[in-house]
PDB file of all heavy atoms in Angstrom:
ATOM      1  N   THR A   1      12.298 -17.483  -9.587  1.00  0.00           N
ATOM      2  CA  THR A   1      12.387 -17.772  -8.171  1.00  0.00           C
ATOM      3  C   THR A   1      12.590 -16.539  -7.328  1.00  0.00           C
ATOM      4  O   THR A   1      12.103 -16.502  -6.195  1.00  0.00           O
ATOM      5  CB  THR A   1      13.278 -18.932  -7.746  1.00  0.00           C
ATOM      6  OG1 THR A   1      14.587 -18.441  -8.126  1.00  0.00           O
ATOM      7  CG2 THR A   1      12.949 -20.239  -8.429  1.00  0.00           C
ATOM      8  N   HIS A   2      13.299 -15.589  -7.974  1.00  0.00           N
ATOM      9  CA  HIS A   2      13.611 -14.401  -6.997  1.00  0.00           C
ATOM     10  C   HIS A   2      14.129 -13.400  -8.019  1.00  0.00           C
ATOM     11  O   HIS A   2      14.546 -13.683  -9.168  1.00  0.00           O
ATOM     12  CB  HIS A   2      14.590 -14.782  -5.938  1.00  0.00           C
ATOM     13  CG  HIS A   2      15.974 -15.076  -6.508  1.00  0.00           C
ATOM     14  ND1 HIS A   2      16.229 -16.311  -6.958  1.00  0.00           N
ATOM     15  CD2 HIS A   2      17.095 -14.342  -6.627  1.00  0.00           C
ATOM     16  CE1 HIS A   2      17.527 -16.369  -7.326  1.00  0.00           C
ATOM     17  NE2 HIS A   2      18.057 -15.229  -7.160  1.00  0.00           N
ATOM     18  N   GLY A   3      14.194 -12.101  -7.545  1.00  0.00           N
ATOM     19  CA  GLY A   3      14.640 -11.035  -8.302  1.00  0.00           C
ATOM     20  C   GLY A   3      14.299  -9.657  -7.808  1.00  0.00           C
ATOM     21  O   GLY A   3      13.754  -9.540  -6.712  1.00  0.00           O
ATOM     22  N   ALA A   4      14.271  -8.777  -8.756  1.00  0.00           N
ATOM     23  CA  ALA A   4      14.009  -7.353  -8.540  1.00  0.00           C
ATOM     24  C   ALA A   4      12.935  -6.947  -9.659  1.00  0.00           C
ATOM     25  O   ALA A   4      13.107  -7.277 -10.769  1.00  0.00           O
ATOM     26  CB  ALA A   4      15.164  -6.471  -8.400  1.00  0.00           C
ATOM     27  N   LYS A   5      12.034  -6.170  -9.218  1.00  0.00           N
ATOM     28  CA  LYS A   5      10.993  -5.521 -10.171  1.00  0.00           C
ATOM     29  C   LYS A   5      10.820  -4.129  -9.779  1.00  0.00           C
ATOM     30  O   LYS A   5      10.918  -3.776  -8.546  1.00  0.00           O
ATOM     31  CB  LYS A   5       9.690  -6.268 -10.227  1.00  0.00           C
ATOM     32  CG  LYS A   5       9.738  -7.625 -10.900  1.00  0.00           C
ATOM     33  CD  LYS A   5       8.375  -8.180 -11.042  1.00  0.00           C
ATOM     34  CE  LYS A   5       8.384  -9.571 -11.667  1.00  0.00           C
ATOM     35  NZ  LYS A   5       7.045 -10.100 -11.759  1.00  0.00           N
ATOM     36  N   HIS A   6      10.513  -3.356 -10.758  1.00  0.00           N
ATOM     37  CA  HIS A   6      10.042  -1.915 -10.419  1.00  0.00           C
ATOM     38  C   HIS A   6       8.880  -1.585 -11.141  1.00  0.00           C
ATOM     39  O   HIS A   6       8.574  -2.156 -12.328  1.00  0.00           O
ATOM     40  CB  HIS A   6      11.182  -0.851 -10.582  1.00  0.00           C
ATOM     41  CG  HIS A   6      11.659  -0.693 -11.895  1.00  0.00           C
ATOM     42  ND1 HIS A   6      12.552  -1.466 -12.506  1.00  0.00           N
ATOM     43  CD2 HIS A   6      11.362   0.301 -12.675  1.00  0.00           C
ATOM     44  CE1 HIS A   6      12.787  -1.082 -13.656  1.00  0.00           C
ATOM     45  NE2 HIS A   6      12.132   0.040 -13.804  1.00  0.00           N
ATOM     46  N   TYR A   7       7.961  -0.863 -10.634  1.00  0.00           N
ATOM     47  CA  TYR A   7       6.768  -0.480 -11.132  1.00  0.00           C
ATOM     48  C   TYR A   7       6.501   1.113 -11.004  1.00  0.00           C
ATOM     49  O   TYR A   7       7.178   1.678 -10.130  1.00  0.00           O
ATOM     50  CB  TYR A   7       5.578  -1.094 -10.425  1.00  0.00           C
ATOM     51  CG  TYR A   7       5.561  -2.620 -10.506  1.00  0.00           C
ATOM     52  CD1 TYR A   7       6.070  -3.386  -9.319  1.00  0.00           C
ATOM     53  CD2 TYR A   7       5.050  -3.206 -11.608  1.00  0.00           C
ATOM     54  CE1 TYR A   7       6.082  -4.762  -9.565  1.00  0.00           C
ATOM     55  CE2 TYR A   7       5.049  -4.590 -11.707  1.00  0.00           C
ATOM     56  CZ  TYR A   7       5.476  -5.358 -10.669  1.00  0.00           C
ATOM     57  OH  TYR A   7       5.510  -6.757 -10.833  1.00  0.00           O
ATOM     58  N   PHE A   8       5.798   1.688 -11.818  1.00  0.00           N
ATOM     59  CA  PHE A   8       5.455   3.049 -11.751  1.00  0.00           C
ATOM     60  C   PHE A   8       3.945   3.213 -11.466  1.00  0.00           C
ATOM     61  O   PHE A   8       3.175   2.729 -12.197  1.00  0.00           O
ATOM     62  CB  PHE A   8       5.773   3.791 -13.100  1.00  0.00           C
ATOM     63  CG  PHE A   8       5.621   5.189 -12.981  1.00  0.00           C
ATOM     64  CD1 PHE A   8       6.403   6.060 -12.426  1.00  0.00           C
ATOM     65  CD2 PHE A   8       4.266   5.630 -13.555  1.00  0.00           C
ATOM     66  CE1 PHE A   8       6.152   7.485 -12.311  1.00  0.00           C
ATOM     67  CE2 PHE A   8       4.007   7.064 -13.569  1.00  0.00           C
ATOM     68  CZ  PHE A   8       4.890   7.940 -12.791  1.00  0.00           C
ATOM     69  N   HIS A   9       3.672   4.000 -10.421  1.00  0.00           N
ATOM     70  CA  HIS A   9       2.282   4.330 -10.091  1.00  0.00           C
ATOM     71  C   HIS A   9       2.136   5.818 -10.402  1.00  0.00           C
ATOM     72  O   HIS A   9       2.899   6.589 -10.171  1.00  0.00           O
ATOM     73  CB  HIS A   9       2.092   4.034  -8.585  1.00  0.00           C
ATOM     74  CG  HIS A   9       0.511   4.140  -8.236  1.00  0.00           C
ATOM     75  ND1 HIS A   9      -0.026   5.403  -7.992  1.00  0.00           N
ATOM     76  CD2 HIS A   9      -0.348   3.289  -8.102  1.00  0.00           C
ATOM     77  CE1 HIS A   9      -1.277   5.087  -7.696  1.00  0.00           C
ATOM     78  NE2 HIS A   9      -1.446   3.784  -7.759  1.00  0.00           N
ATOM     79  N   PRO A  10       1.057   6.056 -11.119  1.00  0.00           N
ATOM     80  CA  PRO A  10       0.809   7.481 -11.543  1.00  0.00           C
ATOM     81  C   PRO A  10       0.727   8.559 -10.330  1.00  0.00           C
ATOM     82  O   PRO A  10       0.881   9.640 -10.608  1.00  0.00           O
ATOM     83  CB  PRO A  10      -0.639   7.400 -12.214  1.00  0.00           C
ATOM     84  CG  PRO A  10      -1.217   6.068 -11.939  1.00  0.00           C
ATOM     85  CD  PRO A  10      -0.148   5.228 -11.509  1.00  0.00           C
ATOM     86  N   VAL A  11       0.445   8.020  -9.138  1.00  0.00           N
ATOM     87  CA  VAL A  11       0.291   9.021  -8.022  1.00  0.00           C
ATOM     88  C   VAL A  11       1.542   9.101  -7.215  1.00  0.00           C
ATOM     89  O   VAL A  11       2.011  10.123  -6.970  1.00  0.00           O
ATOM     90  CB  VAL A  11      -0.902   8.636  -7.188  1.00  0.00           C
ATOM     91  CG1 VAL A  11      -0.862   9.562  -5.942  1.00  0.00           C
ATOM     92  CG2 VAL A  11      -2.177   8.789  -7.926  1.00  0.00           C
ATOM     93  N   VAL A  12       2.144   7.953  -6.937  1.00  0.00           N
ATOM     94  CA  VAL A  12       3.296   7.870  -5.974  1.00  0.00           C
ATOM     95  C   VAL A  12       4.687   7.631  -6.734  1.00  0.00           C
ATOM     96  O   VAL A  12       5.691   7.725  -6.108  1.00  0.00           O
ATOM     97  CB  VAL A  12       3.163   6.737  -4.822  1.00  0.00           C
ATOM     98  CG1 VAL A  12       2.004   7.174  -3.975  1.00  0.00           C
ATOM     99  CG2 VAL A  12       3.067   5.519  -5.489  1.00  0.00           C
ATOM    100  N   GLY A  13       4.558   7.394  -8.019  1.00  0.00           N
ATOM    101  CA  GLY A  13       5.839   7.392  -8.804  1.00  0.00           C
ATOM    102  C   GLY A  13       6.452   5.879  -8.754  1.00  0.00           C
ATOM    103  O   GLY A  13       5.791   4.949  -8.573  1.00  0.00           O
ATOM    104  N   GLU A  14       7.735   5.866  -9.037  1.00  0.00           N
ATOM    105  CA  GLU A  14       8.436   4.668  -9.168  1.00  0.00           C
ATOM    106  C   GLU A  14       8.592   3.913  -7.828  1.00  0.00           C
ATOM    107  O   GLU A  14       8.878   4.503  -6.770  1.00  0.00           O
ATOM    108  CB  GLU A  14       9.838   4.953  -9.787  1.00  0.00           C
ATOM    109  CG  GLU A  14      10.539   3.666 -10.302  1.00  0.00           C
ATOM    110  CD  GLU A  14      11.637   3.876 -11.456  1.00  0.00           C
ATOM    111  OE1 GLU A  14      11.712   5.078 -11.777  1.00  0.00           O
ATOM    112  OE2 GLU A  14      12.320   2.972 -11.708  1.00  0.00           O
ATOM    113  N   MET A  15       8.487   2.524  -7.881  1.00  0.00           N
ATOM    114  CA  MET A  15       8.600   1.779  -6.706  1.00  0.00           C
ATOM    115  C   MET A  15       9.573   0.562  -7.024  1.00  0.00           C
ATOM    116  O   MET A  15       9.328  -0.050  -8.141  1.00  0.00           O
ATOM    117  CB  MET A  15       7.310   1.313  -6.146  1.00  0.00           C
ATOM    118  CG  MET A  15       6.386   2.510  -5.698  1.00  0.00           C
ATOM    119  SD  MET A  15       4.801   1.908  -5.255  1.00  0.00           S
ATOM    120  CE  MET A  15       4.004   1.546  -6.748  1.00  0.00           C
ATOM    121  N   HIS A  16      10.429   0.213  -6.049  1.00  0.00           N
ATOM    122  CA  HIS A  16      11.310  -0.917  -6.365  1.00  0.00           C
ATOM    123  C   HIS A  16      11.063  -1.983  -5.316  1.00  0.00           C
ATOM    124  O   HIS A  16      10.974  -1.714  -4.229  1.00  0.00           O
ATOM    125  CB  HIS A  16      12.826  -0.352  -6.233  1.00  0.00           C
ATOM    126  CG  HIS A  16      13.094   0.624  -7.283  1.00  0.00           C
ATOM    127  ND1 HIS A  16      13.662   0.271  -8.522  1.00  0.00           N
ATOM    128  CD2 HIS A  16      12.908   1.952  -7.360  1.00  0.00           C
ATOM    129  CE1 HIS A  16      13.896   1.274  -9.232  1.00  0.00           C
ATOM    130  NE2 HIS A  16      13.442   2.336  -8.612  1.00  0.00           N
ATOM    131  N   PHE A  17      10.972  -3.230  -5.782  1.00  0.00           N
ATOM    132  CA  PHE A  17      10.688  -4.410  -5.024  1.00  0.00           C
ATOM    133  C   PHE A  17      11.772  -5.477  -5.255  1.00  0.00           C
ATOM    134  O   PHE A  17      12.247  -5.629  -6.390  1.00  0.00           O
ATOM    135  CB  PHE A  17       9.345  -5.046  -5.299  1.00  0.00           C
ATOM    136  CG  PHE A  17       8.191  -4.024  -5.124  1.00  0.00           C
ATOM    137  CD1 PHE A  17       7.836  -3.136  -6.223  1.00  0.00           C
ATOM    138  CD2 PHE A  17       7.483  -3.960  -3.983  1.00  0.00           C
ATOM    139  CE1 PHE A  17       6.875  -2.325  -5.927  1.00  0.00           C
ATOM    140  CE2 PHE A  17       6.494  -3.098  -3.809  1.00  0.00           C
ATOM    141  CZ  PHE A  17       6.097  -2.308  -4.775  1.00  0.00           C
ATOM    142  N   SER A  18      12.046  -6.219  -4.201  1.00  0.00           N
ATOM    143  CA  SER A  18      12.699  -7.546  -4.350  1.00  0.00           C
ATOM    144  C   SER A  18      11.605  -8.597  -4.186  1.00  0.00           C
ATOM    145  O   SER A  18      10.598  -8.295  -3.546  1.00  0.00           O
ATOM    146  CB  SER A  18      13.774  -7.771  -3.335  1.00  0.00           C
ATOM    147  OG  SER A  18      13.219  -7.730  -2.058  1.00  0.00           O
ATOM    148  N   TYR A  19      11.677  -9.666  -4.813  1.00  0.00           N
ATOM    149  CA  TYR A  19      10.637 -10.681  -4.713  1.00  0.00           C
ATOM    150  C   TYR A  19      11.220 -12.029  -4.592  1.00  0.00           C
ATOM    151  O   TYR A  19      12.349 -12.354  -5.086  1.00  0.00           O
ATOM    152  CB  TYR A  19       9.645 -10.575  -5.853  1.00  0.00           C
ATOM    153  CG  TYR A  19      10.205 -11.071  -7.121  1.00  0.00           C
ATOM    154  CD1 TYR A  19      10.151 -12.335  -7.528  1.00  0.00           C
ATOM    155  CD2 TYR A  19      10.875 -10.256  -8.029  1.00  0.00           C
ATOM    156  CE1 TYR A  19      10.669 -12.937  -8.726  1.00  0.00           C
ATOM    157  CE2 TYR A  19      11.444 -10.731  -9.256  1.00  0.00           C
ATOM    158  CZ  TYR A  19      11.200 -11.937  -9.626  1.00  0.00           C
ATOM    159  OH  TYR A  19      11.838 -12.470 -10.777  1.00  0.00           O
ATOM    160  N   GLU A  20      10.360 -13.021  -4.088  1.00  0.00           N
ATOM    161  CA  GLU A  20      10.677 -14.358  -4.135  1.00  0.00           C
ATOM    162  C   GLU A  20       9.417 -15.116  -4.475  1.00  0.00           C
ATOM    163  O   GLU A  20       8.338 -14.704  -4.019  1.00  0.00           O
ATOM    164  CB  GLU A  20      11.115 -14.873  -2.791  1.00  0.00           C
ATOM    165  CG  GLU A  20      12.380 -14.336  -2.437  1.00  0.00           C
ATOM    166  CD  GLU A  20      12.904 -14.937  -1.035  1.00  0.00           C
ATOM    167  OE1 GLU A  20      13.078 -16.074  -0.940  1.00  0.00           O
ATOM    168  OE2 GLU A  20      13.380 -14.007  -0.140  1.00  0.00           O
ATOM    169  N   SER A  21       9.531 -16.125  -5.232  1.00  0.00           N
ATOM    170  CA  SER A  21       8.411 -16.903  -5.710  1.00  0.00           C
ATOM    171  C   SER A  21       8.648 -18.313  -5.452  1.00  0.00           C
ATOM    172  O   SER A  21       9.851 -18.887  -5.687  1.00  0.00           O
ATOM    173  CB  SER A  21       8.171 -16.784  -7.228  1.00  0.00           C
ATOM    174  OG  SER A  21       7.985 -15.586  -7.675  1.00  0.00           O
ATOM    175  N   PHE A  22       7.809 -19.013  -4.800  1.00  0.00           N
ATOM    176  CA  PHE A  22       7.952 -20.402  -4.478  1.00  0.00           C
ATOM    177  C   PHE A  22       6.724 -21.220  -4.498  1.00  0.00           C
ATOM    178  O   PHE A  22       5.619 -20.652  -4.314  1.00  0.00           O
ATOM    179  CB  PHE A  22       8.658 -20.619  -3.108  1.00  0.00           C
ATOM    180  CG  PHE A  22       8.063 -19.763  -1.999  1.00  0.00           C
ATOM    181  CD1 PHE A  22       7.036 -20.349  -1.162  1.00  0.00           C
ATOM    182  CD2 PHE A  22       8.458 -18.428  -1.856  1.00  0.00           C
ATOM    183  CE1 PHE A  22       6.483 -19.720  -0.203  1.00  0.00           C
ATOM    184  CE2 PHE A  22       7.903 -17.677  -0.822  1.00  0.00           C
ATOM    185  CZ  PHE A  22       6.917 -18.370   0.172  1.00  0.00           C
ATOM    186  N   GLN A  23       6.822 -22.510  -4.716  1.00  0.00           N
ATOM    187  CA  GLN A  23       5.656 -23.384  -4.777  1.00  0.00           C
ATOM    188  C   GLN A  23       5.096 -23.561  -3.232  1.00  0.00           C
ATOM    189  O   GLN A  23       5.813 -23.625  -2.440  1.00  0.00           O
ATOM    190  CB  GLN A  23       5.965 -24.689  -5.429  1.00  0.00           C
ATOM    191  CG  GLN A  23       6.166 -24.573  -6.808  1.00  0.00           C
ATOM    192  CD  GLN A  23       6.333 -25.973  -7.535  1.00  0.00           C
ATOM    193  OE1 GLN A  23       6.893 -26.783  -6.870  1.00  0.00           O
ATOM    194  NE2 GLN A  23       6.080 -25.935  -8.846  1.00  0.00           N
ATOM    195  N   VAL A  24       3.756 -23.404  -3.158  1.00  0.00           N
ATOM    196  CA  VAL A  24       3.163 -23.701  -1.772  1.00  0.00           C
ATOM    197  C   VAL A  24       3.373 -25.035  -1.443  1.00  0.00           C
ATOM    198  O   VAL A  24       3.115 -26.011  -2.110  1.00  0.00           O
ATOM    199  CB  VAL A  24       1.667 -23.357  -1.979  1.00  0.00           C
ATOM    200  CG1 VAL A  24       0.955 -23.624  -0.654  1.00  0.00           C
ATOM    201  CG2 VAL A  24       1.395 -21.838  -2.393  1.00  0.00           C
ATOM    202  N   PRO A  25       3.904 -25.248  -0.171  1.00  0.00           N
ATOM    203  CA  PRO A  25       4.130 -26.643   0.257  1.00  0.00           C
ATOM    204  C   PRO A  25       2.809 -27.457   0.200  1.00  0.00           C
ATOM    205  O   PRO A  25       1.731 -26.974   0.648  1.00  0.00           O
ATOM    206  CB  PRO A  25       4.575 -26.364   1.826  1.00  0.00           C
ATOM    207  CG  PRO A  25       5.252 -25.103   1.834  1.00  0.00           C
ATOM    208  CD  PRO A  25       4.334 -24.256   0.826  1.00  0.00           C
ATOM    209  N   GLY A  26       2.975 -28.683  -0.345  1.00  0.00           N
ATOM    210  CA  GLY A  26       1.734 -29.442  -0.429  1.00  0.00           C
ATOM    211  C   GLY A  26       0.953 -29.275  -1.629  1.00  0.00           C
ATOM    212  O   GLY A  26      -0.033 -29.956  -1.937  1.00  0.00           O
ATOM    213  N   ASP A  27       1.212 -28.142  -2.433  1.00  0.00           N
ATOM    214  CA  ASP A  27       0.420 -28.011  -3.659  1.00  0.00           C
ATOM    215  C   ASP A  27       1.363 -27.360  -4.653  1.00  0.00           C
ATOM    216  O   ASP A  27       1.507 -26.046  -4.821  1.00  0.00           O
ATOM    217  CB  ASP A  27      -0.714 -27.049  -3.397  1.00  0.00           C
ATOM    218  CG  ASP A  27      -1.703 -26.815  -4.443  1.00  0.00           C
ATOM    219  OD1 ASP A  27      -1.185 -27.257  -5.644  1.00  0.00           O
ATOM    220  OD2 ASP A  27      -2.721 -26.252  -4.342  1.00  0.00           O
ATOM    221  N   GLY A  28       1.987 -28.180  -5.528  1.00  0.00           N
ATOM    222  CA  GLY A  28       2.964 -27.831  -6.436  1.00  0.00           C
ATOM    223  C   GLY A  28       2.297 -27.086  -7.542  1.00  0.00           C
ATOM    224  O   GLY A  28       3.038 -26.515  -8.542  1.00  0.00           O
ATOM    225  N   GLU A  29       1.022 -26.885  -7.670  1.00  0.00           N
ATOM    226  CA  GLU A  29       0.303 -26.182  -8.670  1.00  0.00           C
ATOM    227  C   GLU A  29       0.142 -24.712  -8.382  1.00  0.00           C
ATOM    228  O   GLU A  29      -0.272 -24.039  -9.321  1.00  0.00           O
ATOM    229  CB  GLU A  29      -1.063 -26.851  -8.907  1.00  0.00           C
ATOM    230  CG  GLU A  29      -1.089 -28.275  -9.294  1.00  0.00           C
ATOM    231  CD  GLU A  29      -0.309 -28.528 -10.533  1.00  0.00           C
ATOM    232  OE1 GLU A  29      -0.583 -27.969 -11.570  1.00  0.00           O
ATOM    233  OE2 GLU A  29       0.529 -29.485 -10.415  1.00  0.00           O
ATOM    234  N   GLN A  30       0.435 -24.290  -7.077  1.00  0.00           N
ATOM    235  CA  GLN A  30       0.319 -22.885  -6.773  1.00  0.00           C
ATOM    236  C   GLN A  30       1.649 -22.345  -6.390  1.00  0.00           C
ATOM    237  O   GLN A  30       2.419 -22.977  -5.922  1.00  0.00           O
ATOM    238  CB  GLN A  30      -0.598 -22.735  -5.540  1.00  0.00           C
ATOM    239  CG  GLN A  30      -2.007 -23.149  -5.712  1.00  0.00           C
ATOM    240  CD  GLN A  30      -2.897 -22.807  -4.621  1.00  0.00           C
ATOM    241  OE1 GLN A  30      -2.607 -21.924  -3.838  1.00  0.00           O
ATOM    242  NE2 GLN A  30      -3.896 -23.620  -4.362  1.00  0.00           N
ATOM    243  N   THR A  31       1.872 -21.044  -6.929  1.00  0.00           N
ATOM    244  CA  THR A  31       3.096 -20.275  -6.596  1.00  0.00           C
ATOM    245  C   THR A  31       2.699 -19.125  -5.780  1.00  0.00           C
ATOM    246  O   THR A  31       1.834 -18.437  -6.188  1.00  0.00           O
ATOM    247  CB  THR A  31       3.685 -19.989  -8.017  1.00  0.00           C
ATOM    248  OG1 THR A  31       4.008 -21.038  -8.780  1.00  0.00           O
ATOM    249  CG2 THR A  31       5.081 -19.177  -7.799  1.00  0.00           C
ATOM    250  N   LEU A  32       3.482 -18.860  -4.704  1.00  0.00           N
ATOM    251  CA  LEU A  32       3.283 -17.795  -3.880  1.00  0.00           C
ATOM    252  C   LEU A  32       4.350 -16.795  -4.242  1.00  0.00           C
ATOM    253  O   LEU A  32       5.494 -17.178  -4.210  1.00  0.00           O
ATOM    254  CB  LEU A  32       3.314 -18.067  -2.446  1.00  0.00           C
ATOM    255  CG  LEU A  32       3.196 -17.090  -1.465  1.00  0.00           C
ATOM    256  CD1 LEU A  32       1.864 -16.310  -1.536  1.00  0.00           C
ATOM    257  CD2 LEU A  32       3.416 -17.622  -0.082  1.00  0.00           C
ATOM    258  N   CYS A  33       3.969 -15.574  -4.518  1.00  0.00           N
ATOM    259  CA  CYS A  33       4.989 -14.439  -4.860  1.00  0.00           C
ATOM    260  C   CYS A  33       4.962 -13.429  -3.652  1.00  0.00           C
ATOM    261  O   CYS A  33       3.854 -12.931  -3.330  1.00  0.00           O
ATOM    262  CB  CYS A  33       4.698 -13.786  -6.118  1.00  0.00           C
ATOM    263  SG  CYS A  33       4.550 -14.796  -7.498  1.00  0.00           S
ATOM    264  N   VAL A  34       6.064 -13.270  -3.099  1.00  0.00           N
ATOM    265  CA  VAL A  34       6.199 -12.302  -2.070  1.00  0.00           C
ATOM    266  C   VAL A  34       7.254 -11.138  -2.366  1.00  0.00           C
ATOM    267  O   VAL A  34       8.132 -11.364  -2.804  1.00  0.00           O
ATOM    268  CB  VAL A  34       6.785 -13.060  -0.703  1.00  0.00           C
ATOM    269  CG1 VAL A  34       6.964 -12.053   0.368  1.00  0.00           C
ATOM    270  CG2 VAL A  34       6.013 -14.236  -0.296  1.00  0.00           C
ATOM    271  N   TYR A  35       6.563  -9.993  -2.289  1.00  0.00           N
ATOM    272  CA  TYR A  35       7.314  -8.821  -2.559  1.00  0.00           C
ATOM    273  C   TYR A  35       7.672  -8.035  -1.347  1.00  0.00           C
ATOM    274  O   TYR A  35       6.888  -7.834  -0.467  1.00  0.00           O
ATOM    275  CB  TYR A  35       6.462  -7.794  -3.596  1.00  0.00           C
ATOM    276  CG  TYR A  35       6.393  -8.394  -4.873  1.00  0.00           C
ATOM    277  CD1 TYR A  35       5.529  -9.550  -5.239  1.00  0.00           C
ATOM    278  CD2 TYR A  35       6.936  -7.757  -6.015  1.00  0.00           C
ATOM    279  CE1 TYR A  35       5.492  -9.846  -6.584  1.00  0.00           C
ATOM    280  CE2 TYR A  35       6.938  -8.184  -7.318  1.00  0.00           C
ATOM    281  CZ  TYR A  35       6.067  -9.305  -7.510  1.00  0.00           C
ATOM    282  OH  TYR A  35       5.948  -9.674  -8.866  1.00  0.00           O
ATOM    283  N   ASN A  36       8.938  -7.663  -1.248  1.00  0.00           N
ATOM    284  CA  ASN A  36       9.513  -6.925   0.000  1.00  0.00           C
ATOM    285  C   ASN A  36      10.051  -5.500  -0.599  1.00  0.00           C
ATOM    286  O   ASN A  36      10.598  -5.405  -1.734  1.00  0.00           O
ATOM    287  CB  ASN A  36      10.608  -7.677   0.481  1.00  0.00           C
ATOM    288  CG  ASN A  36      10.141  -8.901   1.155  1.00  0.00           C
ATOM    289  OD1 ASN A  36       9.186  -9.044   2.027  1.00  0.00           O
ATOM    290  ND2 ASN A  36      10.559 -10.009   0.596  1.00  0.00           N
ATOM    291  N   VAL A  37      10.052  -4.618   0.400  1.00  0.00           N
ATOM    292  CA  VAL A  37      10.769  -3.305   0.134  1.00  0.00           C
ATOM    293  C   VAL A  37      11.729  -3.034   1.286  1.00  0.00           C
ATOM    294  O   VAL A  37      11.526  -3.592   2.359  1.00  0.00           O
ATOM    295  CB  VAL A  37       9.732  -2.076  -0.054  1.00  0.00           C
ATOM    296  CG1 VAL A  37       8.796  -2.408  -1.157  1.00  0.00           C
ATOM    297  CG2 VAL A  37       9.028  -1.997   1.230  1.00  0.00           C
ATOM    298  N   GLU A  38      12.693  -2.191   1.037  1.00  0.00           N
ATOM    299  CA  GLU A  38      13.620  -1.901   2.024  1.00  0.00           C
ATOM    300  C   GLU A  38      12.930  -0.817   2.983  1.00  0.00           C
ATOM    301  O   GLU A  38      12.408   0.149   2.488  1.00  0.00           O
ATOM    302  CB  GLU A  38      14.827  -1.185   1.443  1.00  0.00           C
ATOM    303  CG  GLU A  38      16.048  -0.961   2.310  1.00  0.00           C
ATOM    304  CD  GLU A  38      17.211  -0.306   1.515  1.00  0.00           C
ATOM    305  OE1 GLU A  38      17.440  -0.707   0.488  1.00  0.00           O
ATOM    306  OE2 GLU A  38      17.863   0.564   2.146  1.00  0.00           O
TER     307      GLU A  38
END
């Protein structure tokens, strides 16, 4: 449902994200993932 992830891009390097995942209201079959950065 939430947490932190980091990715490495070959051009810009390491990136750190916090994220939240939740079911779309009215459609429990879909999950929306929102990634944020500081």
